[in-house]
All heavy atoms as atom14 arrays in JSON, in Angstrom:
{
  "sequence": "FTMLEALLTLFVLTIGVLGVAGLQIQGMRSGGMAMQRTIVL",
  "atom14_mask": [
    [1, 1, 1, 1, 1, 1, 1, 1, 1, 1, 1, 0, 0, 0],
    [1, 1, 1, 1, 1, 1, 1, 0, 0, 0, 0, 0, 0, 0],
    [1, 1, 1, 1, 1, 1, 1, 1, 0, 0, 0, 0, 0, 0],
    [1, 1, 1, 1, 1, 1, 1, 1, 0, 0, 0, 0, 0, 0],
    [1, 1, 1, 1, 1, 1, 1, 1, 1, 0, 0, 0, 0, 0],
    [1, 1, 1, 1, 1, 0, 0, 0, 0, 0, 0, 0, 0, 0],
    [1, 1, 1, 1, 1, 1, 1, 1, 0, 0, 0, 0, 0, 0],
    [1, 1, 1, 1, 1, 1, 1, 1, 0, 0, 0, 0, 0, 0],
    [1, 1, 1, 1, 1, 1, 1, 0, 0, 0, 0, 0, 0, 0],
    [1, 1, 1, 1, 1, 1, 1, 1, 0, 0, 0, 0, 0, 0],
    [1, 1, 1, 1, 1, 1, 1, 1, 1, 1, 1, 0, 0, 0],
    [1, 1, 1, 1, 1, 1, 1, 0, 0, 0, 0, 0, 0, 0],
    [1, 1, 1, 1, 1, 1, 1, 1, 0, 0, 0, 0, 0, 0],
    [1, 1, 1, 1, 1, 1, 1, 0, 0, 0, 0, 0, 0, 0],
    [1, 1, 1, 1, 1, 1, 1, 1, 0, 0, 0, 0, 0, 0],
    [1, 1, 1, 1, 0, 0, 0, 0, 0, 0, 0, 0, 0, 0],
    [1, 1, 1, 1, 1, 1, 1, 0, 0, 0, 0, 0, 0, 0],
    [1, 1, 1, 1, 1, 1, 1, 1, 0, 0, 0, 0, 0, 0],
    [1, 1, 1, 1, 0, 0, 0, 0, 0, 0, 0, 0, 0, 0],
    [1, 1, 1, 1, 1, 1, 1, 0, 0, 0, 0, 0, 0, 0],
    [1, 1, 1, 1, 1, 0, 0, 0, 0, 0, 0, 0, 0, 0],
    [1, 1, 1, 1, 0, 0, 0, 0, 0, 0, 0, 0, 0, 0],
    [1, 1, 1, 1, 1, 1, 1, 1, 0, 0, 0, 0, 0, 0],
    [1, 1, 1, 1, 1, 1, 1, 1, 1, 0, 0, 0, 0, 0],
    [1, 1, 1, 1, 1, 1, 1, 1, 0, 0, 0, 0, 0, 0],
    [1, 1, 1, 1, 1, 1, 1, 1, 1, 0, 0, 0, 0, 0],
    [1, 1, 1, 1, 0, 0, 0, 0, 0, 0, 0, 0, 0, 0],
    [1, 1, 1, 1, 1, 1, 1, 1, 0, 0, 0, 0, 0, 0],
    [1, 1, 1, 1, 1, 1, 1, 1, 1, 1, 1, 0, 0, 0],
    [1, 1, 1, 1, 1, 1, 0, 0, 0, 0, 0, 0, 0, 0],
    [1, 1, 1, 1, 0, 0, 0, 0, 0, 0, 0, 0, 0, 0],
    [1, 1, 1, 1, 0, 0, 0, 0, 0, 0, 0, 0, 0, 0],
    [1, 1, 1, 1, 1, 1, 1, 1, 0, 0, 0, 0, 0, 0],
    [1, 1, 1, 1, 1, 0, 0, 0, 0, 0, 0, 0, 0, 0],
    [1, 1, 1, 1, 1, 1, 1, 1, 0, 0, 0, 0, 0, 0],
    [1, 1, 1, 1, 1, 1, 1, 1, 1, 0, 0, 0, 0, 0],
    [1, 1, 1, 1, 1, 1, 1, 1, 1, 1, 1, 0, 0, 0],
    [1, 1, 1, 1, 1, 1, 1, 0, 0, 0, 0, 0, 0, 0],
    [1, 1, 1, 1, 1, 1, 1, 1, 0, 0, 0, 0, 0, 0],
    [1, 1, 1, 1, 1, 1, 1, 0, 0, 0, 0, 0, 0, 0],
    [1, 1, 1, 1, 1, 1, 1, 1, 0, 0, 0, 0, 0, 0]
  ],
  "atom14_positions": [
    [[-107.38, -22.63, 126.83], [-108.04, -22.63, 128.16], [-109.52, -22.48, 128.0], [-110.03, -21.7, 127.2], [-107.51, -21.47, 128.99], [-106.13, -21.68, 129.51], [-105.09, -20.91, 129.07], [-105.86, -22.66, 130.46], [-103.79, -21.08, 129.55], [-104.59, -22.83, 130.95], [-103.57, -22.05, 130.5], [0.0, 0.0, 0.0], [0.0, 0.0, 0.0], [0.0, 0.0, 0.0]],
    [[-110.22, -23.2, 128.81], [-111.66, -23.01, 128.86], [-111.96, -21.97, 129.92], [-111.11, -21.57, 130.7], [-112.37, -24.3, 129.21], [-111.95, -24.7, 130.53], [-112.04, -25.41, 128.23], [0.0, 0.0, 0.0], [0.0, 0.0, 0.0], [0.0, 0.0, 0.0], [0.0, 0.0, 0.0], [0.0, 0.0, 0.0], [0.0, 0.0, 0.0], [0.0, 0.0, 0.0]],
    [[-113.15, -21.53, 129.97], [-113.55, -20.5, 130.96], [-113.39, -21.05, 132.36], [-112.99, -20.36, 133.25], [-115.0, -20.1, 130.69], [-115.43, -19.01, 131.64], [-114.57, -17.5, 131.39], [-115.42, -16.74, 130.09], [0.0, 0.0, 0.0], [0.0, 0.0, 0.0], [0.0, 0.0, 0.0], [0.0, 0.0, 0.0], [0.0, 0.0, 0.0], [0.0, 0.0, 0.0]],
    [[-113.71, -22.31, 132.55], [-113.6, -22.95, 133.9], [-112.13, -22.96, 134.35], [-111.84, -22.62, 135.51], [-114.18, -24.36, 133.82], [-114.16, -25.11, 135.17], [-115.0, -24.36, 136.17], [-114.67, -26.53, 134.92], [0.0, 0.0, 0.0], [0.0, 0.0, 0.0], [0.0, 0.0, 0.0], [0.0, 0.0, 0.0], [0.0, 0.0, 0.0], [0.0, 0.0, 0.0]],
    [[-111.21, -23.27, 133.49], [-109.81, -23.29, 133.85], [-109.33, -21.88, 134.21], [-108.54, -21.73, 135.14], [-108.97, -23.91, 132.74], [-109.17, -25.38, 132.58], [-108.49, -25.94, 131.33], [-108.39, -25.16, 130.33], [-108.08, -27.08, 131.33], [0.0, 0.0, 0.0], [0.0, 0.0, 0.0], [0.0, 0.0, 0.0], [0.0, 0.0, 0.0], [0.0, 0.0, 0.0]],
    [[-109.75, -20.91, 133.44], [-109.36, -19.54, 133.71], [-109.9, -19.04, 135.09], [-109.19, -18.41, 135.87], [-109.82, -18.62, 132.6], [0.0, 0.0, 0.0], [0.0, 0.0, 0.0], [0.0, 0.0, 0.0], [0.0, 0.0, 0.0], [0.0, 0.0, 0.0], [0.0, 0.0, 0.0], [0.0, 0.0, 0.0], [0.0, 0.0, 0.0], [0.0, 0.0, 0.0]],
    [[-111.14, -19.38, 135.38], [-111.74, -19.0, 136.64], [-111.04, -19.7, 137.84], [-110.78, -19.09, 138.87], [-113.21, -19.26, 136.64], [-114.09, -18.33, 135.82], [-115.52, -18.8, 135.79], [-113.98, -16.9, 136.35], [0.0, 0.0, 0.0], [0.0, 0.0, 0.0], [0.0, 0.0, 0.0], [0.0, 0.0, 0.0], [0.0, 0.0, 0.0], [0.0, 0.0, 0.0]],
    [[-110.68, -20.95, 137.63], [-110.02, -21.7, 138.68], [-108.62, -21.12, 138.94], [-108.21, -20.98, 140.11], [-109.9, -23.19, 138.3], [-109.34, -24.11, 139.34], [-110.17, -24.09, 140.62], [-109.21, -25.51, 138.82], [0.0, 0.0, 0.0], [0.0, 0.0, 0.0], [0.0, 0.0, 0.0], [0.0, 0.0, 0.0], [0.0, 0.0, 0.0], [0.0, 0.0, 0.0]],
    [[-107.95, -20.78, 137.9], [-106.63, -20.1, 138.03], [-106.74, -18.8, 138.78], [-105.95, -18.48, 139.68], [-105.99, -19.91, 136.71], [-105.88, -21.17, 136.05], [-104.63, -19.28, 136.81], [0.0, 0.0, 0.0], [0.0, 0.0, 0.0], [0.0, 0.0, 0.0], [0.0, 0.0, 0.0], [0.0, 0.0, 0.0], [0.0, 0.0, 0.0], [0.0, 0.0, 0.0]],
    [[-107.74, -17.99, 138.42], [-107.97, -16.7, 139.07], [-108.31, -16.89, 140.53], [-107.84, -16.16, 141.41], [-109.08, -15.99, 138.34], [-109.38, -14.55, 138.84], [-108.17, -13.65, 138.6], [-110.61, -14.0, 138.12], [0.0, 0.0, 0.0], [0.0, 0.0, 0.0], [0.0, 0.0, 0.0], [0.0, 0.0, 0.0], [0.0, 0.0, 0.0], [0.0, 0.0, 0.0]],
    [[-109.08, -17.93, 140.88], [-109.45, -18.19, 142.24], [-108.22, -18.59, 143.09], [-107.98, -18.06, 144.2], [-110.51, -19.32, 142.3], [-110.85, -19.75, 143.69], [-111.64, -18.96, 144.44], [-110.38, -20.98, 144.18], [-111.98, -19.36, 145.76], [-110.73, -21.36, 145.45], [-111.54, -20.56, 146.25], [0.0, 0.0, 0.0], [0.0, 0.0, 0.0], [0.0, 0.0, 0.0]],
    [[-107.38, -19.44, 142.58], [-106.14, -19.85, 143.28], [-105.21, -18.68, 143.49], [-104.67, -18.48, 144.54], [-105.47, -21.03, 142.52], [-104.08, -21.3, 143.07], [-106.31, -22.26, 142.53], [0.0, 0.0, 0.0], [0.0, 0.0, 0.0], [0.0, 0.0, 0.0], [0.0, 0.0, 0.0], [0.0, 0.0, 0.0], [0.0, 0.0, 0.0], [0.0, 0.0, 0.0]],
    [[-105.09, -17.84, 142.46], [-104.24, -16.66, 142.58], [-104.79, -15.68, 143.61], [-104.0, -15.11, 144.4], [-104.16, -15.99, 141.19], [-103.23, -14.75, 141.12], [-101.78, -15.16, 141.36], [-103.37, -14.13, 139.76], [0.0, 0.0, 0.0], [0.0, 0.0, 0.0], [0.0, 0.0, 0.0], [0.0, 0.0, 0.0], [0.0, 0.0, 0.0], [0.0, 0.0, 0.0]],
    [[-106.08, -15.5, 143.68], [-106.71, -14.65, 144.66], [-106.47, -15.15, 146.08], [-106.14, -14.34, 146.97], [-108.21, -14.48, 144.4], [-108.41, -14.01, 143.05], [-108.88, -13.56, 145.36], [0.0, 0.0, 0.0], [0.0, 0.0, 0.0], [0.0, 0.0, 0.0], [0.0, 0.0, 0.0], [0.0, 0.0, 0.0], [0.0, 0.0, 0.0], [0.0, 0.0, 0.0]],
    [[-106.59, -16.4, 146.29], [-106.34, -16.99, 147.63], [-104.91, -16.77, 148.02], [-104.58, -16.42, 149.16], [-106.68, -18.51, 147.62], [-108.2, -18.71, 147.4], [-106.25, -19.15, 148.93], [-109.08, -18.13, 148.48], [0.0, 0.0, 0.0], [0.0, 0.0, 0.0], [0.0, 0.0, 0.0], [0.0, 0.0, 0.0], [0.0, 0.0, 0.0], [0.0, 0.0, 0.0]],
    [[-103.96, -16.93, 147.09], [-102.55, -16.65, 147.43], [-102.29, -15.25, 147.78], [-101.57, -14.94, 148.73], [0.0, 0.0, 0.0], [0.0, 0.0, 0.0], [0.0, 0.0, 0.0], [0.0, 0.0, 0.0], [0.0, 0.0, 0.0], [0.0, 0.0, 0.0], [0.0, 0.0, 0.0], [0.0, 0.0, 0.0], [0.0, 0.0, 0.0], [0.0, 0.0, 0.0]],
    [[-102.85, -14.31, 147.02], [-102.61, -12.87, 147.3], [-103.25, -12.51, 148.64], [-102.68, -11.72, 149.42], [-103.2, -12.01, 146.15], [-103.26, -10.55, 146.55], [-102.4, -12.21, 144.91], [0.0, 0.0, 0.0], [0.0, 0.0, 0.0], [0.0, 0.0, 0.0], [0.0, 0.0, 0.0], [0.0, 0.0, 0.0], [0.0, 0.0, 0.0], [0.0, 0.0, 0.0]],
    [[-104.41, -13.01, 148.96], [-105.04, -12.74, 150.28], [-104.19, -13.32, 151.41], [-104.09, -12.69, 152.48], [-106.45, -13.34, 150.32], [-107.49, -12.55, 149.52], [-108.81, -13.28, 149.54], [-107.65, -11.15, 150.03], [0.0, 0.0, 0.0], [0.0, 0.0, 0.0], [0.0, 0.0, 0.0], [0.0, 0.0, 0.0], [0.0, 0.0, 0.0], [0.0, 0.0, 0.0]],
    [[-103.59, -14.47, 151.19], [-102.72, -15.04, 152.23], [-101.46, -14.17, 152.48], [-101.09, -13.95, 153.61], [0.0, 0.0, 0.0], [0.0, 0.0, 0.0], [0.0, 0.0, 0.0], [0.0, 0.0, 0.0], [0.0, 0.0, 0.0], [0.0, 0.0, 0.0], [0.0, 0.0, 0.0], [0.0, 0.0, 0.0], [0.0, 0.0, 0.0], [0.0, 0.0, 0.0]],
    [[-100.9, -13.66, 151.41], [-99.73, -12.8, 151.58], [-100.13, -11.47, 152.27], [-99.4, -10.99, 153.11], [-99.07, -12.52, 150.21], [-98.04, -11.43, 150.27], [-98.45, -13.78, 149.64], [0.0, 0.0, 0.0], [0.0, 0.0, 0.0], [0.0, 0.0, 0.0], [0.0, 0.0, 0.0], [0.0, 0.0, 0.0], [0.0, 0.0, 0.0], [0.0, 0.0, 0.0]],
    [[-101.3, -10.93, 151.95], [-101.76, -9.74, 152.6], [-102.01, -9.96, 154.08], [-101.67, -9.12, 154.92], [-103.01, -9.21, 151.9], [0.0, 0.0, 0.0], [0.0, 0.0, 0.0], [0.0, 0.0, 0.0], [0.0, 0.0, 0.0], [0.0, 0.0, 0.0], [0.0, 0.0, 0.0], [0.0, 0.0, 0.0], [0.0, 0.0, 0.0], [0.0, 0.0, 0.0]],
    [[-102.55, -11.1, 154.42], [-102.79, -11.43, 155.82], [-101.48, -11.55, 156.59], [-101.37, -11.11, 157.71], [0.0, 0.0, 0.0], [0.0, 0.0, 0.0], [0.0, 0.0, 0.0], [0.0, 0.0, 0.0], [0.0, 0.0, 0.0], [0.0, 0.0, 0.0], [0.0, 0.0, 0.0], [0.0, 0.0, 0.0], [0.0, 0.0, 0.0], [0.0, 0.0, 0.0]],
    [[-100.49, -12.14, 155.99], [-99.15, -12.24, 156.61], [-98.53, -10.87, 156.8], [-97.88, -10.58, 157.83], [-98.22, -13.13, 155.77], [-98.45, -14.65, 155.81], [-97.56, -15.33, 154.84], [-98.18, -15.12, 157.23], [0.0, 0.0, 0.0], [0.0, 0.0, 0.0], [0.0, 0.0, 0.0], [0.0, 0.0, 0.0], [0.0, 0.0, 0.0], [0.0, 0.0, 0.0]],
    [[-98.72, -9.98, 155.85], [-98.19, -8.64, 155.97], [-98.84, -7.89, 157.14], [-98.19, -7.23, 157.91], [-98.42, -7.88, 154.66], [-97.93, -6.45, 154.67], [-96.42, -6.35, 154.72], [-95.72, -7.28, 154.29], [-95.93, -5.23, 155.16], [0.0, 0.0, 0.0], [0.0, 0.0, 0.0], [0.0, 0.0, 0.0], [0.0, 0.0, 0.0], [0.0, 0.0, 0.0]],
    [[-100.14, -8.02, 157.26], [-100.85, -7.37, 158.35], [-100.41, -7.9, 159.71], [-100.19, -7.16, 160.66], [-102.4, -7.51, 158.19], [-102.86, -6.67, 156.99], [-103.14, -7.14, 159.43], [-104.3, -6.9, 156.56], [0.0, 0.0, 0.0], [0.0, 0.0, 0.0], [0.0, 0.0, 0.0], [0.0, 0.0, 0.0], [0.0, 0.0, 0.0], [0.0, 0.0, 0.0]],
    [[-100.26, -9.2, 159.79], [-99.8, -9.85, 161.04], [-98.41, -9.4, 161.37], [-98.08, -9.15, 162.56], [-99.88, -11.38, 160.94], [-99.47, -12.09, 162.19], [-100.5, -11.85, 163.32], [-101.66, -11.61, 163.08], [-100.01, -11.91, 164.51], [0.0, 0.0, 0.0], [0.0, 0.0, 0.0], [0.0, 0.0, 0.0], [0.0, 0.0, 0.0], [0.0, 0.0, 0.0]],
    [[-97.53, -9.26, 160.41], [-96.17, -8.78, 160.64], [-96.15, -7.36, 161.12], [-95.37, -7.04, 162.04], [0.0, 0.0, 0.0], [0.0, 0.0, 0.0], [0.0, 0.0, 0.0], [0.0, 0.0, 0.0], [0.0, 0.0, 0.0], [0.0, 0.0, 0.0], [0.0, 0.0, 0.0], [0.0, 0.0, 0.0], [0.0, 0.0, 0.0], [0.0, 0.0, 0.0]],
    [[-96.99, -6.53, 160.59], [-97.05, -5.14, 161.06], [-97.6, -5.03, 162.49], [-97.07, -4.26, 163.29], [-97.96, -4.31, 160.11], [-97.34, -4.07, 158.73], [-98.44, -3.23, 157.6], [-98.58, -1.67, 158.4], [0.0, 0.0, 0.0], [0.0, 0.0, 0.0], [0.0, 0.0, 0.0], [0.0, 0.0, 0.0], [0.0, 0.0, 0.0], [0.0, 0.0, 0.0]],
    [[-98.57, -5.89, 162.78], [-99.1, -5.9, 164.16], [-98.03, -6.36, 165.18], [-97.87, -5.78, 166.22], [-100.3, -6.84, 164.2], [-101.3, -6.49, 165.25], [-102.5, -7.39, 165.2], [-103.39, -7.01, 164.08], [-104.12, -7.86, 163.37], [-104.1, -9.12, 163.61], [-104.88, -7.39, 162.39], [0.0, 0.0, 0.0], [0.0, 0.0, 0.0], [0.0, 0.0, 0.0]],
    [[-97.28, -7.39, 164.8], [-96.24, -7.91, 165.69], [-95.14, -6.86, 165.81], [-94.59, -6.73, 166.93], [-95.68, -9.23, 165.11], [-96.65, -10.2, 165.11], [0.0, 0.0, 0.0], [0.0, 0.0, 0.0], [0.0, 0.0, 0.0], [0.0, 0.0, 0.0], [0.0, 0.0, 0.0], [0.0, 0.0, 0.0], [0.0, 0.0, 0.0], [0.0, 0.0, 0.0]],
    [[-94.8, -6.18, 164.79], [-93.79, -5.15, 164.83], [-94.21, -4.0, 165.76], [-93.37, -3.46, 166.5], [0.0, 0.0, 0.0], [0.0, 0.0, 0.0], [0.0, 0.0, 0.0], [0.0, 0.0, 0.0], [0.0, 0.0, 0.0], [0.0, 0.0, 0.0], [0.0, 0.0, 0.0], [0.0, 0.0, 0.0], [0.0, 0.0, 0.0], [0.0, 0.0, 0.0]],
    [[-95.45, -3.62, 165.73], [-95.94, -2.58, 166.63], [-95.89, -2.98, 168.08], [-95.51, -2.18, 168.94], [0.0, 0.0, 0.0], [0.0, 0.0, 0.0], [0.0, 0.0, 0.0], [0.0, 0.0, 0.0], [0.0, 0.0, 0.0], [0.0, 0.0, 0.0], [0.0, 0.0, 0.0], [0.0, 0.0, 0.0], [0.0, 0.0, 0.0], [0.0, 0.0, 0.0]],
    [[-96.25, -4.25, 168.35], [-96.16, -4.7, 169.75], [-94.73, -4.8, 170.19], [-94.43, -4.44, 171.38], [-96.85, -6.08, 169.87], [-98.38, -6.0, 169.73], [-99.17, -7.55, 169.92], [-98.76, -8.02, 171.58], [0.0, 0.0, 0.0], [0.0, 0.0, 0.0], [0.0, 0.0, 0.0], [0.0, 0.0, 0.0], [0.0, 0.0, 0.0], [0.0, 0.0, 0.0]],
    [[-93.81, -5.21, 169.35], [-92.39, -5.25, 169.67], [-91.86, -3.86, 169.97], [-91.07, -3.65, 170.89], [-91.61, -5.9, 168.58], [0.0, 0.0, 0.0], [0.0, 0.0, 0.0], [0.0, 0.0, 0.0], [0.0, 0.0, 0.0], [0.0, 0.0, 0.0], [0.0, 0.0, 0.0], [0.0, 0.0, 0.0], [0.0, 0.0, 0.0], [0.0, 0.0, 0.0]],
    [[-92.3, -2.87, 169.2], [-91.89, -1.48, 169.44], [-92.35, -1.01, 170.8], [-91.6, -0.35, 171.53], [-92.4, -0.57, 168.34], [-91.93, 0.83, 168.49], [-92.62, 1.98, 167.26], [-94.33, 2.03, 167.76], [0.0, 0.0, 0.0], [0.0, 0.0, 0.0], [0.0, 0.0, 0.0], [0.0, 0.0, 0.0], [0.0, 0.0, 0.0], [0.0, 0.0, 0.0]],
    [[-93.63, -1.32, 171.19], [-94.13, -0.92, 172.49], [-93.35, -1.54, 173.6], [-93.01, -0.89, 174.62], [-95.62, -1.28, 172.6], [-96.49, -0.37, 171.74], [-97.96, -0.73, 171.86], [-98.32, -1.83, 172.33], [-98.83, 0.12, 171.45], [0.0, 0.0, 0.0], [0.0, 0.0, 0.0], [0.0, 0.0, 0.0], [0.0, 0.0, 0.0], [0.0, 0.0, 0.0]],
    [[-93.01, -2.82, 173.45], [-92.2, -3.52, 174.48], [-90.82, -2.88, 174.6], [-90.27, -2.74, 175.7], [-92.12, -4.97, 174.18], [-93.39, -5.71, 174.39], [-93.26, -7.19, 174.15], [-94.53, -7.86, 174.43], [-95.0, -8.85, 173.7], [-94.32, -9.31, 172.7], [-96.18, -9.37, 174.02], [0.0, 0.0, 0.0], [0.0, 0.0, 0.0], [0.0, 0.0, 0.0]],
    [[-90.25, -2.51, 173.5], [-88.93, -1.88, 173.49], [-88.98, -0.54, 174.19], [-88.11, -0.21, 174.97], [-88.4, -1.72, 172.08], [-88.35, -3.01, 171.44], [-87.04, -1.08, 172.06], [0.0, 0.0, 0.0], [0.0, 0.0, 0.0], [0.0, 0.0, 0.0], [0.0, 0.0, 0.0], [0.0, 0.0, 0.0], [0.0, 0.0, 0.0], [0.0, 0.0, 0.0]],
    [[-90.05, 0.24, 173.97], [-90.22, 1.54, 174.65], [-90.3, 1.32, 176.14], [-89.66, 2.05, 176.92], [-91.44, 2.26, 174.04], [-91.19, 2.77, 172.66], [-91.85, 3.42, 174.98], [-92.45, 3.28, 171.97], [0.0, 0.0, 0.0], [0.0, 0.0, 0.0], [0.0, 0.0, 0.0], [0.0, 0.0, 0.0], [0.0, 0.0, 0.0], [0.0, 0.0, 0.0]],
    [[-91.11, 0.36, 176.57], [-91.28, 0.13, 178.0], [-89.94, -0.32, 178.63], [-89.59, 0.15, 179.71], [-92.37, -0.93, 178.22], [-92.39, -1.41, 179.69], [-93.74, -0.35, 177.87], [0.0, 0.0, 0.0], [0.0, 0.0, 0.0], [0.0, 0.0, 0.0], [0.0, 0.0, 0.0], [0.0, 0.0, 0.0], [0.0, 0.0, 0.0], [0.0, 0.0, 0.0]],
    [[-89.22, -1.15, 177.91], [-87.92, -1.61, 178.44], [-86.96, -0.43, 178.57], [-86.27, -0.28, 179.6], [-87.3, -2.64, 177.53], [-85.99, -3.23, 177.91], [-86.12, -4.03, 179.25], [-85.47, -4.11, 176.85], [0.0, 0.0, 0.0], [0.0, 0.0, 0.0], [0.0, 0.0, 0.0], [0.0, 0.0, 0.0], [0.0, 0.0, 0.0], [0.0, 0.0, 0.0]]
  ]
}
């Protein structure tokens, strides 16, 4: 591997991890709203 290939791989991996973290945060937010709606019901 050259340095460029290693950096490109690291960049793609970082984008993937950030995407998964964003999905996790969105899921927690939606779960909280669903809990509030359930309480009101």
